[in-house]
Amino acid sequence: MDNKAGQNKRRVQVSSKKRFHDRGGPDWKGPVVDYKEVELLRKFMTASSKMMSRKRAGTSSSEQRDVRRAIKRARFMALLPFVGI
């Protein structure tokens, strides 16, 4: 036969579990991230003042970009430290 070995195998579809719950539907835009909201930004940082990963923080890519931009601006303005204690 000229069929390849992998063509006849059926693919098993894995049920996709959402890692994070739906946070308000498709119209929800999330909190407005501003560099002056230091307490909100600290929630997205580790104890050593590093930015949390998207997986750990539970943010989408656009939210993560906004958080990253705000943390960097807050560091430039000396509202957040560059390194932890």
C-alpha atoms as a PDB file:
ATOM      1  CA  MET A   1       0.000   0.000   0.000  1.00  0.00           C
ATOM      2  CA  ASP A   2       1.128   3.506  -0.623  1.00  0.00           C
ATOM      3  CA  ASN A   3      -0.599   4.959   2.484  1.00  0.00           C
ATOM      4  CA  LYS A   4       1.720   6.363   5.043  1.00  0.00           C
ATOM      5  CA  ALA A   5       1.610   4.738   8.456  1.00  0.00           C
ATOM      6  CA  GLY A   6       0.308   7.854  10.209  1.00  0.00           C
ATOM      7  CA  GLN A   7      -2.582   8.574   7.830  1.00  0.00           C
ATOM      8  CA  ASN A   8      -4.889   5.794   8.960  1.00  0.00           C
ATOM      9  CA  LYS A   9      -4.613   6.551  12.664  1.00  0.00           C
ATOM     10  CA  ARG A  10      -7.402   8.536  14.215  1.00  0.00           C
ATOM     11  CA  ARG A  11      -6.440  11.533  16.264  1.00  0.00           C
ATOM     12  CA  VAL A  12      -7.761  11.526  19.771  1.00  0.00           C
ATOM     13  CA  GLN A  13      -9.174  14.910  20.702  1.00  0.00           C
ATOM     14  CA  VAL A  14      -8.172  15.950  24.182  1.00  0.00           C
ATOM     15  CA  SER A  15     -10.801  17.864  26.099  1.00  0.00           C
ATOM     16  CA  SER A  16      -9.565  21.390  26.542  1.00  0.00           C
ATOM     17  CA  LYS A  17      -9.857  22.507  30.124  1.00  0.00           C
ATOM     18  CA  LYS A  18      -9.550  26.202  30.674  1.00  0.00           C
ATOM     19  CA  ARG A  19      -6.653  26.981  32.936  1.00  0.00           C
ATOM     20  CA  PHE A  20      -8.273  30.193  34.152  1.00  0.00           C
ATOM     21  CA  HIS A  21     -11.954  30.886  34.593  1.00  0.00           C
ATOM     22  CA  ASP A  22     -13.804  33.268  32.322  1.00  0.00           C
ATOM     23  CA  ARG A  23     -13.404  36.658  33.916  1.00  0.00           C
ATOM     24  CA  GLY A  24     -16.538  38.407  32.707  1.00  0.00           C
ATOM     25  CA  GLY A  25     -17.263  37.383  29.144  1.00  0.00           C
ATOM     26  CA  PRO A  26     -15.977  38.616  25.796  1.00  0.00           C
ATOM     27  CA  ASP A  27     -16.967  42.246  26.449  1.00  0.00           C
ATOM     28  CA  TRP A  28     -14.967  42.540  29.665  1.00  0.00           C
ATOM     29  CA  LYS A  29     -11.854  44.640  29.144  1.00  0.00           C
ATOM     30  CA  GLY A  30     -10.236  44.105  32.525  1.00  0.00           C
ATOM     31  CA  PRO A  31      -8.916  46.696  34.950  1.00  0.00           C
ATOM     32  CA  VAL A  32      -7.309  49.779  33.489  1.00  0.00           C
ATOM     33  CA  VAL A  33      -3.627  49.436  34.260  1.00  0.00           C
ATOM     34  CA  ASP A  34      -1.872  52.672  35.109  1.00  0.00           C
ATOM     35  CA  TYR A  35       1.694  53.167  36.335  1.00  0.00           C
ATOM     36  CA  LYS A  36       0.411  55.221  39.308  1.00  0.00           C
ATOM     37  CA  GLU A  37      -1.563  52.268  40.731  1.00  0.00           C
ATOM     38  CA  VAL A  38       1.358  50.772  42.612  1.00  0.00           C
ATOM     39  CA  GLU A  39      -0.682  48.325  44.727  1.00  0.00           C
ATOM     40  CA  LEU A  40      -2.250  46.776  41.626  1.00  0.00           C
ATOM     41  CA  LEU A  41       1.149  46.458  39.960  1.00  0.00           C
ATOM     42  CA  ARG A  42       2.675  44.793  43.031  1.00  0.00           C
ATOM     43  CA  LYS A  43       0.146  41.955  42.602  1.00  0.00           C
ATOM     44  CA  PHE A  44       1.765  41.164  39.258  1.00  0.00           C
ATOM     45  CA  MET A  45       5.301  41.073  40.686  1.00  0.00           C
ATOM     46  CA  THR A  46       7.156  38.389  42.615  1.00  0.00           C
ATOM     47  CA  ALA A  47       8.860  38.915  45.970  1.00  0.00           C
ATOM     48  CA  SER A  48      12.125  39.635  44.178  1.00  0.00           C
ATOM     49  CA  SER A  49      10.442  42.425  42.115  1.00  0.00           C
ATOM     50  CA  LYS A  50      10.303  40.439  38.907  1.00  0.00           C
ATOM     51  CA  MET A  51       7.274  40.520  36.646  1.00  0.00           C
ATOM     52  CA  MET A  52       5.085  37.441  36.896  1.00  0.00           C
ATOM     53  CA  SER A  53       4.623  35.258  33.856  1.00  0.00           C
ATOM     54  CA  ARG A  54       1.331  35.253  31.990  1.00  0.00           C
ATOM     55  CA  LYS A  55       0.597  31.722  33.105  1.00  0.00           C
ATOM     56  CA  ARG A  56       1.088  32.538  36.766  1.00  0.00           C
ATOM     57  CA  ALA A  57      -0.641  35.931  36.701  1.00  0.00           C
ATOM     58  CA  GLY A  58      -3.560  34.697  34.594  1.00  0.00           C
ATOM     59  CA  THR A  59      -3.481  37.563  32.126  1.00  0.00           C
ATOM     60  CA  SER A  60      -4.023  37.602  28.383  1.00  0.00           C
ATOM     61  CA  SER A  61      -1.271  38.772  26.061  1.00  0.00           C
ATOM     62  CA  SER A  62      -2.683  42.280  25.690  1.00  0.00           C
ATOM     63  CA  GLU A  63      -3.202  42.576  29.454  1.00  0.00           C
ATOM     64  CA  GLN A  64       0.349  41.358  30.042  1.00  0.00           C
ATOM     65  CA  ARG A  65       1.715  43.988  27.660  1.00  0.00           C
ATOM     66  CA  ASP A  66      -0.186  46.703  29.544  1.00  0.00           C
ATOM     67  CA  VAL A  67       1.079  45.418  32.898  1.00  0.00           C
ATOM     68  CA  ARG A  68       4.645  45.221  31.623  1.00  0.00           C
ATOM     69  CA  ARG A  69       4.502  48.752  30.244  1.00  0.00           C
ATOM     70  CA  ALA A  70       3.030  50.109  33.494  1.00  0.00           C
ATOM     71  CA  ILE A  71       5.619  48.330  35.677  1.00  0.00           C
ATOM     72  CA  LYS A  72       8.469  49.711  33.588  1.00  0.00           C
ATOM     73  CA  ARG A  73       7.055  53.240  33.765  1.00  0.00           C
ATOM     74  CA  ALA A  74       6.562  52.943  37.535  1.00  0.00           C
ATOM     75  CA  ARG A  75      10.176  51.810  37.897  1.00  0.00           C
ATOM     76  CA  PHE A  76      11.425  54.801  35.879  1.00  0.00           C
ATOM     77  CA  MET A  77       9.389  57.115  38.118  1.00  0.00           C
ATOM     78  CA  ALA A  78      10.846  55.392  41.234  1.00  0.00           C
ATOM     79  CA  LEU A  79       7.442  54.140  42.397  1.00  0.00           C
ATOM     80  CA  LEU A  80       8.563  50.494  42.198  1.00  0.00           C
ATOM     81  CA  PRO A  81      12.012  49.021  42.839  1.00  0.00           C
ATOM     82  CA  PHE A  82      14.121  47.484  40.098  1.00  0.00           C
ATOM     83  CA  VAL A  83      15.369  44.752  42.458  1.00  0.00           C
ATOM     84  CA  GLY A  84      13.837  43.118  45.512  1.00  0.00           C
ATOM     85  CA  ILE A  85      15.115  43.227  49.037  1.00  0.00           C
END
